[in-house]
Amino acid sequence: GEAAFTEAETSHTNAFSMAVSRLAGGGAYKMPLNDQLFMI
């Protein structure tokens, strides 16, 4: 959604979100949503 891109510009990935992403991926690194949106 457009709102996701707009909200991403007021935040950025940090160590905490990277850790959460790793846990969500079962230990494997999963790119945080904000980083995915930046790459798009």
PDB file of all heavy atoms in Angstrom:
ATOM      1  N   GLY A   1       0.814  -1.202   0.000  1.00  0.00           N
ATOM      2  CA  GLY A   1       0.000   0.000   0.000  1.00  0.00           C
ATOM      3  C   GLY A   1       0.852   1.258   0.000  1.00  0.00           C
ATOM      4  O   GLY A   1       1.998   1.250   0.450  1.00  0.00           O
ATOM      5  N   GLU A   2       0.282   2.360  -0.523  1.00  0.00           N
ATOM      6  CA  GLU A   2       1.010   3.620  -0.548  1.00  0.00           C
ATOM      7  C   GLU A   2       1.386   4.080   0.859  1.00  0.00           C
ATOM      8  O   GLU A   2       2.444   4.676   1.071  1.00  0.00           O
ATOM      9  CB  GLU A   2       0.174   4.699  -1.241  1.00  0.00           C
ATOM     10  CG  GLU A   2      -0.013   4.452  -2.740  1.00  0.00           C
ATOM     11  CD  GLU A   2      -0.756   5.575  -3.430  1.00  0.00           C
ATOM     12  OE1 GLU A   2      -0.666   6.725  -2.957  1.00  0.00           O
ATOM     13  OE2 GLU A   2      -1.433   5.312  -4.436  1.00  0.00           O
ATOM     14  N   ALA A   3       0.520   3.786   1.827  1.00  0.00           N
ATOM     15  CA  ALA A   3       0.782   4.212   3.206  1.00  0.00           C
ATOM     16  C   ALA A   3       2.073   3.588   3.739  1.00  0.00           C
ATOM     17  O   ALA A   3       2.804   4.219   4.510  1.00  0.00           O
ATOM     18  CB  ALA A   3      -0.389   3.835   4.106  1.00  0.00           C
ATOM     19  N   ALA A   4       2.380   2.368   3.314  1.00  0.00           N
ATOM     20  CA  ALA A   4       3.596   1.694   3.785  1.00  0.00           C
ATOM     21  C   ALA A   4       4.840   2.455   3.326  1.00  0.00           C
ATOM     22  O   ALA A   4       5.796   2.623   4.092  1.00  0.00           O
ATOM     23  CB  ALA A   4       3.634   0.261   3.273  1.00  0.00           C
ATOM     24  N   PHE A   5       4.829   2.933   2.086  1.00  0.00           N
ATOM     25  CA  PHE A   5       5.969   3.689   1.568  1.00  0.00           C
ATOM     26  C   PHE A   5       6.100   5.032   2.269  1.00  0.00           C
ATOM     27  O   PHE A   5       7.203   5.478   2.594  1.00  0.00           O
ATOM     28  CB  PHE A   5       5.826   3.899   0.055  1.00  0.00           C
ATOM     29  CG  PHE A   5       6.063   2.656  -0.749  1.00  0.00           C
ATOM     30  CD1 PHE A   5       4.997   1.830  -1.105  1.00  0.00           C
ATOM     31  CD2 PHE A   5       7.336   2.305  -1.154  1.00  0.00           C
ATOM     32  CE1 PHE A   5       5.208   0.680  -1.845  1.00  0.00           C
ATOM     33  CE2 PHE A   5       7.560   1.150  -1.893  1.00  0.00           C
ATOM     34  CZ  PHE A   5       6.489   0.333  -2.237  1.00  0.00           C
ATOM     35  N   THR A   6       4.960   5.681   2.503  1.00  0.00           N
ATOM     36  CA  THR A   6       4.978   6.976   3.183  1.00  0.00           C
ATOM     37  C   THR A   6       5.506   6.840   4.601  1.00  0.00           C
ATOM     38  O   THR A   6       6.339   7.635   5.052  1.00  0.00           O
ATOM     39  CB  THR A   6       3.562   7.590   3.211  1.00  0.00           C
ATOM     40  OG1 THR A   6       3.086   7.739   1.860  1.00  0.00           O
ATOM     41  CG2 THR A   6       3.572   8.944   3.903  1.00  0.00           C
ATOM     42  N   GLU A   7       5.043   5.825   5.320  1.00  0.00           N
ATOM     43  CA  GLU A   7       5.485   5.609   6.696  1.00  0.00           C
ATOM     44  C   GLU A   7       6.959   5.224   6.762  1.00  0.00           C
ATOM     45  O   GLU A   7       7.665   5.578   7.711  1.00  0.00           O
ATOM     46  CB  GLU A   7       4.626   4.528   7.346  1.00  0.00           C
ATOM     47  CG  GLU A   7       3.179   4.958   7.582  1.00  0.00           C
ATOM     48  CD  GLU A   7       2.279   3.803   7.973  1.00  0.00           C
ATOM     49  OE1 GLU A   7       2.811   2.693   8.190  1.00  0.00           O
ATOM     50  OE2 GLU A   7       1.056   4.009   8.047  1.00  0.00           O
ATOM     51  N   ALA A   8       7.431   4.496   5.736  1.00  0.00           N
ATOM     52  CA  ALA A   8       8.834   4.063   5.731  1.00  0.00           C
ATOM     53  C   ALA A   8       9.784   5.248   5.692  1.00  0.00           C
ATOM     54  O   ALA A   8      10.908   5.177   6.196  1.00  0.00           O
ATOM     55  CB  ALA A   8       9.099   3.147   4.546  1.00  0.00           C
ATOM     56  N   GLU A   9       9.338   6.359   5.118  1.00  0.00           N
ATOM     57  CA  GLU A   9      10.214   7.521   4.999  1.00  0.00           C
ATOM     58  C   GLU A   9      10.351   8.287   6.306  1.00  0.00           C
ATOM     59  O   GLU A   9      11.152   9.217   6.403  1.00  0.00           O
ATOM     60  CB  GLU A   9       9.713   8.442   3.889  1.00  0.00           C
ATOM     61  CG  GLU A   9       9.866   7.815   2.522  1.00  0.00           C
ATOM     62  CD  GLU A   9       9.658   8.802   1.395  1.00  0.00           C
ATOM     63  OE1 GLU A   9       9.563  10.012   1.669  1.00  0.00           O
ATOM     64  OE2 GLU A   9       9.577   8.363   0.248  1.00  0.00           O
ATOM     65  N   THR A  10       9.573   7.911   7.305  1.00  0.00           N
ATOM     66  CA  THR A  10       9.709   8.549   8.612  1.00  0.00           C
ATOM     67  C   THR A  10      10.398   7.612   9.604  1.00  0.00           C
ATOM     68  O   THR A  10      10.447   7.885  10.787  1.00  0.00           O
ATOM     69  CB  THR A  10       8.325   8.959   9.180  1.00  0.00           C
ATOM     70  OG1 THR A  10       7.515   7.785   9.368  1.00  0.00           O
ATOM     71  CG2 THR A  10       7.631   9.916   8.234  1.00  0.00           C
ATOM     72  N   SER A  11      10.912   6.500   9.087  1.00  0.00           N
ATOM     73  CA  SER A  11      11.623   5.556   9.940  1.00  0.00           C
ATOM     74  C   SER A  11      12.707   4.877   9.123  1.00  0.00           C
ATOM     75  O   SER A  11      12.843   5.103   7.931  1.00  0.00           O
ATOM     76  CB  SER A  11      10.648   4.509  10.493  1.00  0.00           C
ATOM     77  OG  SER A  11      10.027   3.793   9.439  1.00  0.00           O
ATOM     78  N   HIS A  12      13.493   4.045   9.769  1.00  0.00           N
ATOM     79  CA  HIS A  12      14.534   3.307   9.075  1.00  0.00           C
ATOM     80  C   HIS A  12      14.834   2.038   9.854  1.00  0.00           C
ATOM     81  O   HIS A  12      14.426   1.872  10.999  1.00  0.00           O
ATOM     82  CB  HIS A  12      15.805   4.149   8.933  1.00  0.00           C
ATOM     83  CG  HIS A  12      16.471   4.459  10.235  1.00  0.00           C
ATOM     84  ND1 HIS A  12      15.940   5.335  11.143  1.00  0.00           N
ATOM     85  CD2 HIS A  12      17.615   3.983  10.788  1.00  0.00           C
ATOM     86  CE1 HIS A  12      16.722   5.408  12.195  1.00  0.00           C
ATOM     87  NE2 HIS A  12      17.742   4.591  12.020  1.00  0.00           N
ATOM     88  N   THR A  13      15.546   1.148   9.237  1.00  0.00           N
ATOM     89  CA  THR A  13      15.913  -0.101   9.897  1.00  0.00           C
ATOM     90  C   THR A  13      16.939   0.169  10.996  1.00  0.00           C
ATOM     91  O   THR A  13      17.807   1.007  10.855  1.00  0.00           O
ATOM     92  CB  THR A  13      16.524  -1.070   8.864  1.00  0.00           C
ATOM     93  OG1 THR A  13      15.576  -1.287   7.831  1.00  0.00           O
ATOM     94  CG2 THR A  13      16.854  -2.397   9.513  1.00  0.00           C
ATOM     95  N   ASN A  14      16.817  -0.560  12.092  1.00  0.00           N
ATOM     96  CA  ASN A  14      17.814  -0.464  13.163  1.00  0.00           C
ATOM     97  C   ASN A  14      18.151  -1.863  13.659  1.00  0.00           C
ATOM     98  O   ASN A  14      17.631  -2.856  13.152  1.00  0.00           O
ATOM     99  CB  ASN A  14      17.320   0.431  14.310  1.00  0.00           C
ATOM    100  CG  ASN A  14      15.958  -0.016  14.828  1.00  0.00           C
ATOM    101  OD1 ASN A  14      15.674  -1.204  14.894  1.00  0.00           O
ATOM    102  ND2 ASN A  14      15.120   0.947  15.193  1.00  0.00           N
ATOM    103  N   ALA A  15      19.022  -1.939  14.625  1.00  0.00           N
ATOM    104  CA  ALA A  15      19.469  -3.251  15.105  1.00  0.00           C
ATOM    105  C   ALA A  15      18.308  -4.070  15.648  1.00  0.00           C
ATOM    106  O   ALA A  15      18.252  -5.296  15.465  1.00  0.00           O
ATOM    107  CB  ALA A  15      20.538  -3.066  16.183  1.00  0.00           C
ATOM    108  N   PHE A  16      17.353  -3.407  16.331  1.00  0.00           N
ATOM    109  CA  PHE A  16      16.223  -4.136  16.905  1.00  0.00           C
ATOM    110  C   PHE A  16      15.355  -4.758  15.808  1.00  0.00           C
ATOM    111  O   PHE A  16      15.004  -5.938  15.883  1.00  0.00           O
ATOM    112  CB  PHE A  16      15.374  -3.197  17.759  1.00  0.00           C
ATOM    113  CG  PHE A  16      14.120  -3.845  18.300  1.00  0.00           C
ATOM    114  CD1 PHE A  16      14.186  -4.738  19.357  1.00  0.00           C
ATOM    115  CD2 PHE A  16      12.885  -3.578  17.727  1.00  0.00           C
ATOM    116  CE1 PHE A  16      13.045  -5.341  19.844  1.00  0.00           C
ATOM    117  CE2 PHE A  16      11.739  -4.178  18.206  1.00  0.00           C
ATOM    118  CZ  PHE A  16      11.802  -5.064  19.280  1.00  0.00           C
ATOM    119  N   SER A  17      15.034  -3.981  14.773  1.00  0.00           N
ATOM    120  CA  SER A  17      14.175  -4.512  13.720  1.00  0.00           C
ATOM    121  C   SER A  17      14.871  -5.627  12.956  1.00  0.00           C
ATOM    122  O   SER A  17      14.229  -6.572  12.486  1.00  0.00           O
ATOM    123  CB  SER A  17      13.745  -3.402  12.759  1.00  0.00           C
ATOM    124  OG  SER A  17      14.838  -2.820  12.108  1.00  0.00           O
ATOM    125  N   MET A  18      16.202  -5.538  12.815  1.00  0.00           N
ATOM    126  CA  MET A  18      16.941  -6.615  12.162  1.00  0.00           C
ATOM    127  C   MET A  18      16.863  -7.893  12.985  1.00  0.00           C
ATOM    128  O   MET A  18      16.705  -8.996  12.453  1.00  0.00           O
ATOM    129  CB  MET A  18      18.392  -6.201  11.944  1.00  0.00           C
ATOM    130  CG  MET A  18      18.566  -5.123  10.886  1.00  0.00           C
ATOM    131  SD  MET A  18      20.276  -4.561  10.735  1.00  0.00           S
ATOM    132  CE  MET A  18      21.043  -6.030  10.070  1.00  0.00           C
ATOM    133  N   ALA A  19      16.955  -7.765  14.311  1.00  0.00           N
ATOM    134  CA  ALA A  19      16.876  -8.934  15.185  1.00  0.00           C
ATOM    135  C   ALA A  19      15.500  -9.574  15.104  1.00  0.00           C
ATOM    136  O   ALA A  19      15.371 -10.800  15.032  1.00  0.00           O
ATOM    137  CB  ALA A  19      17.183  -8.527  16.621  1.00  0.00           C
ATOM    138  N   VAL A  20      14.461  -8.750  15.105  1.00  0.00           N
ATOM    139  CA  VAL A  20      13.094  -9.259  14.982  1.00  0.00           C
ATOM    140  C   VAL A  20      12.915  -9.988  13.662  1.00  0.00           C
ATOM    141  O   VAL A  20      12.299 -11.046  13.587  1.00  0.00           O
ATOM    142  CB  VAL A  20      12.077  -8.109  15.107  1.00  0.00           C
ATOM    143  CG1 VAL A  20      10.669  -8.591  14.743  1.00  0.00           C
ATOM    144  CG2 VAL A  20      12.094  -7.543  16.514  1.00  0.00           C
ATOM    145  N   SER A  21      13.482  -9.436  12.588  1.00  0.00           N
ATOM    146  CA  SER A  21      13.369 -10.063  11.273  1.00  0.00           C
ATOM    147  C   SER A  21      14.048 -11.425  11.250  1.00  0.00           C
ATOM    148  O   SER A  21      13.554 -12.373  10.644  1.00  0.00           O
ATOM    149  CB  SER A  21      13.992  -9.156  10.204  1.00  0.00           C
ATOM    150  OG  SER A  21      13.261  -7.967  10.078  1.00  0.00           O
ATOM    151  N   ARG A  22      15.175 -11.535  11.934  1.00  0.00           N
ATOM    152  CA  ARG A  22      15.872 -12.821  11.981  1.00  0.00           C
ATOM    153  C   ARG A  22      15.036 -13.859  12.733  1.00  0.00           C
ATOM    154  O   ARG A  22      14.923 -15.016  12.318  1.00  0.00           O
ATOM    155  CB  ARG A  22      17.232 -12.648  12.656  1.00  0.00           C
ATOM    156  CG  ARG A  22      18.257 -11.923  11.806  1.00  0.00           C
ATOM    157  CD  ARG A  22      19.655 -12.042  12.397  1.00  0.00           C
ATOM    158  NE  ARG A  22      20.626 -11.366  11.558  1.00  0.00           N
ATOM    159  CZ  ARG A  22      21.032 -10.123  11.754  1.00  0.00           C
ATOM    160  NH1 ARG A  22      20.539  -9.433  12.754  1.00  0.00           N
ATOM    161  NH2 ARG A  22      21.921  -9.581  10.960  1.00  0.00           N
ATOM    162  N   LEU A  23      14.432 -13.444  13.837  1.00  0.00           N
ATOM    163  CA  LEU A  23      13.596 -14.353  14.617  1.00  0.00           C
ATOM    164  C   LEU A  23      12.379 -14.786  13.815  1.00  0.00           C
ATOM    165  O   LEU A  23      11.982 -15.943  13.823  1.00  0.00           O
ATOM    166  CB  LEU A  23      13.156 -13.677  15.924  1.00  0.00           C
ATOM    167  CG  LEU A  23      14.267 -13.439  16.957  1.00  0.00           C
ATOM    168  CD1 LEU A  23      13.725 -12.615  18.121  1.00  0.00           C
ATOM    169  CD2 LEU A  23      14.821 -14.770  17.450  1.00  0.00           C
ATOM    170  N   ALA A  24      11.783 -13.840  13.097  1.00  0.00           N
ATOM    171  CA  ALA A  24      10.594 -14.151  12.303  1.00  0.00           C
ATOM    172  C   ALA A  24      10.930 -15.134  11.189  1.00  0.00           C
ATOM    173  O   ALA A  24      10.098 -15.921  10.751  1.00  0.00           O
ATOM    174  CB  ALA A  24      10.004 -12.870  11.711  1.00  0.00           C
ATOM    175  N   GLY A  25      12.182 -15.101  10.768  1.00  0.00           N
ATOM    176  CA  GLY A  25      12.590 -15.991   9.686  1.00  0.00           C
ATOM    177  C   GLY A  25      13.168 -17.295  10.191  1.00  0.00           C
ATOM    178  O   GLY A  25      13.817 -18.015   9.439  1.00  0.00           O
ATOM    179  N   GLY A  26      12.976 -17.588  11.482  1.00  0.00           N
ATOM    180  CA  GLY A  26      13.470 -18.846  12.031  1.00  0.00           C
ATOM    181  C   GLY A  26      14.968 -18.887  12.144  1.00  0.00           C
ATOM    182  O   GLY A  26      15.598 -19.938  12.064  1.00  0.00           O
ATOM    183  N   GLY A  27      15.589 -17.705  12.338  1.00  0.00           N
ATOM    184  CA  GLY A  27      17.038 -17.655  12.495  1.00  0.00           C
ATOM    185  C   GLY A  27      17.735 -17.173  11.243  1.00  0.00           C
ATOM    186  O   GLY A  27      18.836 -16.658  11.303  1.00  0.00           O
ATOM    187  N   ALA A  28      17.097 -17.351  10.060  1.00  0.00           N
ATOM    188  CA  ALA A  28      17.669 -16.867   8.818  1.00  0.00           C
ATOM    189  C   ALA A  28      17.323 -15.387   8.646  1.00  0.00           C
ATOM    190  O   ALA A  28      16.249 -14.950   9.041  1.00  0.00           O
ATOM    191  CB  ALA A  28      17.125 -17.673   7.636  1.00  0.00           C
ATOM    192  N   TYR A  29      18.250 -14.637   8.064  1.00  0.00           N
ATOM    193  CA  TYR A  29      18.004 -13.203   7.901  1.00  0.00           C
ATOM    194  C   TYR A  29      16.908 -12.949   6.878  1.00  0.00           C
ATOM    195  O   TYR A  29      16.908 -13.506   5.795  1.00  0.00           O
ATOM    196  CB  TYR A  29      19.278 -12.487   7.465  1.00  0.00           C
ATOM    197  CG  TYR A  29      19.055 -11.019   7.214  1.00  0.00           C
ATOM    198  CD1 TYR A  29      18.840 -10.148   8.275  1.00  0.00           C
ATOM    199  CD2 TYR A  29      19.021 -10.522   5.915  1.00  0.00           C
ATOM    200  CE1 TYR A  29      18.613  -8.797   8.060  1.00  0.00           C
ATOM    201  CE2 TYR A  29      18.793  -9.173   5.688  1.00  0.00           C
ATOM    202  CZ  TYR A  29      18.596  -8.322   6.768  1.00  0.00           C
ATOM    203  OH  TYR A  29      18.361  -6.989   6.528  1.00  0.00           O
ATOM    204  N   LYS A  30      15.985 -12.117   7.272  1.00  0.00           N
ATOM    205  CA  LYS A  30      14.920 -11.676   6.372  1.00  0.00           C
ATOM    206  C   LYS A  30      14.973 -10.162   6.317  1.00  0.00           C
ATOM    207  O   LYS A  30      14.958  -9.502   7.355  1.00  0.00           O
ATOM    208  CB  LYS A  30      13.561 -12.134   6.892  1.00  0.00           C
ATOM    209  CG  LYS A  30      12.389 -11.695   6.012  1.00  0.00           C
ATOM    210  CD  LYS A  30      11.080 -12.169   6.617  1.00  0.00           C
ATOM    211  CE  LYS A  30       9.901 -11.703   5.774  1.00  0.00           C
ATOM    212  NZ  LYS A  30       8.610 -12.112   6.388  1.00  0.00           N
ATOM    213  N   MET A  31      15.069  -9.595   5.098  1.00  0.00           N
ATOM    214  CA  MET A  31      15.202  -8.152   4.963  1.00  0.00           C
ATOM    215  C   MET A  31      14.007  -7.437   5.587  1.00  0.00           C
ATOM    216  O   MET A  31      12.863  -7.747   5.271  1.00  0.00           O
ATOM    217  CB  MET A  31      15.314  -7.761   3.482  1.00  0.00           C
ATOM    218  CG  MET A  31      15.527  -6.259   3.275  1.00  0.00           C
ATOM    219  SD  MET A  31      15.603  -5.795   1.518  1.00  0.00           S
ATOM    220  CE  MET A  31      17.210  -6.492   1.075  1.00  0.00           C
ATOM    221  N   PRO A  32      14.236  -6.478   6.490  1.00  0.00           N
ATOM    222  CA  PRO A  32      13.134  -5.728   7.097  1.00  0.00           C
ATOM    223  C   PRO A  32      12.281  -5.037   6.031  1.00  0.00           C
ATOM    224  O   PRO A  32      12.779  -4.674   4.959  1.00  0.00           O
ATOM    225  CB  PRO A  32      13.856  -4.703   7.979  1.00  0.00           C
ATOM    226  CG  PRO A  32      15.185  -5.324   8.254  1.00  0.00           C
ATOM    227  CD  PRO A  32      15.541  -6.077   7.024  1.00  0.00           C
ATOM    228  N   LEU A  33      11.010  -4.841   6.351  1.00  0.00           N
ATOM    229  CA  LEU A  33      10.079  -4.262   5.377  1.00  0.00           C
ATOM    230  C   LEU A  33      10.555  -2.908   4.868  1.00  0.00           C
ATOM    231  O   LEU A  33      10.483  -2.639   3.660  1.00  0.00           O
ATOM    232  CB  LEU A  33       8.691  -4.127   5.998  1.00  0.00           C
ATOM    233  CG  LEU A  33       7.620  -3.476   5.094  1.00  0.00           C
ATOM    234  CD1 LEU A  33       7.437  -4.278   3.817  1.00  0.00           C
ATOM    235  CD2 LEU A  33       6.310  -3.319   5.844  1.00  0.00           C
ATOM    236  N   ASN A  34      11.036  -2.044   5.749  1.00  0.00           N
ATOM    237  CA  ASN A  34      11.476  -0.721   5.309  1.00  0.00           C
ATOM    238  C   ASN A  34      12.585  -0.821   4.265  1.00  0.00           C
ATOM    239  O   ASN A  34      12.627  -0.050   3.303  1.00  0.00           O
ATOM    240  CB  ASN A  34      11.971   0.101   6.500  1.00  0.00           C
ATOM    241  CG  ASN A  34      10.828   0.650   7.334  1.00  0.00           C
ATOM    242  OD1 ASN A  34       9.665   0.460   7.000  1.00  0.00           O
ATOM    243  ND2 ASN A  34      11.156   1.320   8.412  1.00  0.00           N
ATOM    244  N   ASP A  35      13.497  -1.770   4.464  1.00  0.00           N
ATOM    245  CA  ASP A  35      14.568  -1.959   3.493  1.00  0.00           C
ATOM    246  C   ASP A  35      14.022  -2.505   2.172  1.00  0.00           C
ATOM    247  O   ASP A  35      14.488  -2.130   1.090  1.00  0.00           O
ATOM    248  CB  ASP A  35      15.619  -2.921   4.049  1.00  0.00           C
ATOM    249  CG  ASP A  35      16.414  -2.304   5.192  1.00  0.00           C
ATOM    250  OD1 ASP A  35      16.165  -1.127   5.515  1.00  0.00           O
ATOM    251  OD2 ASP A  35      17.267  -3.008   5.756  1.00  0.00           O
ATOM    252  N   GLN A  36      13.051  -3.385   2.253  1.00  0.00           N
ATOM    253  CA  GLN A  36      12.407  -3.893   1.037  1.00  0.00           C
ATOM    254  C   GLN A  36      11.768  -2.750   0.247  1.00  0.00           C
ATOM    255  O   GLN A  36      11.900  -2.666  -0.976  1.00  0.00           O
ATOM    256  CB  GLN A  36      11.340  -4.922   1.394  1.00  0.00           C
ATOM    257  CG  GLN A  36      11.863  -6.206   2.008  1.00  0.00           C
ATOM    258  CD  GLN A  36      10.737  -7.156   2.364  1.00  0.00           C
ATOM    259  OE1 GLN A  36       9.802  -7.348   1.591  1.00  0.00           O
ATOM    260  NE2 GLN A  36      10.806  -7.733   3.553  1.00  0.00           N
ATOM    261  N   LEU A  37      11.074  -1.869   0.973  1.00  0.00           N
ATOM    262  CA  LEU A  37      10.399  -0.751   0.322  1.00  0.00           C
ATOM    263  C   LEU A  37      11.412   0.204  -0.298  1.00  0.00           C
ATOM    264  O   LEU A  37      11.183   0.743  -1.387  1.00  0.00           O
ATOM    265  CB  LEU A  37       9.511  -0.010   1.325  1.00  0.00           C
ATOM    266  CG  LEU A  37       8.372  -0.837   1.929  1.00  0.00           C
ATOM    267  CD1 LEU A  37       7.597  -0.006   2.953  1.00  0.00           C
ATOM    268  CD2 LEU A  37       7.423  -1.351   0.850  1.00  0.00           C
ATOM    269  N   PHE A  38      12.537   0.417   0.382  1.00  0.00           N
ATOM    270  CA  PHE A  38      13.580   1.273  -0.185  1.00  0.00           C
ATOM    271  C   PHE A  38      14.110   0.680  -1.483  1.00  0.00           C
ATOM    272  O   PHE A  38      14.309   1.398  -2.472  1.00  0.00           O
ATOM    273  CB  PHE A  38      14.731   1.462   0.805  1.00  0.00           C
ATOM    274  CG  PHE A  38      15.871   2.270   0.232  1.00  0.00           C
ATOM    275  CD1 PHE A  38      15.789   3.653   0.172  1.00  0.00           C
ATOM    276  CD2 PHE A  38      17.008   1.642  -0.260  1.00  0.00           C
ATOM    277  CE1 PHE A  38      16.827   4.405  -0.374  1.00  0.00           C
ATOM    278  CE2 PHE A  38      18.045   2.383  -0.812  1.00  0.00           C
ATOM    279  CZ  PHE A  38      17.960   3.766  -0.867  1.00  0.00           C
ATOM    280  N   MET A  39      14.337  -0.620  -1.499  1.00  0.00           N
ATOM    281  CA  MET A  39      14.868  -1.261  -2.699  1.00  0.00           C
ATOM    282  C   MET A  39      13.863  -1.222  -3.850  1.00  0.00           C
ATOM    283  O   MET A  39      14.246  -1.102  -5.023  1.00  0.00           O
ATOM    284  CB  MET A  39      15.269  -2.709  -2.386  1.00  0.00           C
ATOM    285  CG  MET A  39      16.439  -2.829  -1.425  1.00  0.00           C
ATOM    286  SD  MET A  39      17.896  -1.846  -1.928  1.00  0.00           S
ATOM    287  CE  MET A  39      18.287  -2.616  -3.515  1.00  0.00           C
ATOM    288  N   ILE A  40      12.581  -1.306  -3.522  1.00  0.00           N
ATOM    289  CA  ILE A  40      11.544  -1.201  -4.565  1.00  0.00           C
ATOM    290  C   ILE A  40      11.587   0.188  -5.200  1.00  0.00           C
ATOM    291  O   ILE A  40      11.547   0.333  -6.422  1.00  0.00           O
ATOM    292  CB  ILE A  40      10.151  -1.488  -3.969  1.00  0.00           C
ATOM    293  CG1 ILE A  40      10.031  -2.970  -3.603  1.00  0.00           C
ATOM    294  CG2 ILE A  40       9.042  -1.097  -4.956  1.00  0.00           C
ATOM    295  CD1 ILE A  40       8.812  -3.299  -2.749  1.00  0.00           C
TER     296      ILE A  40
END
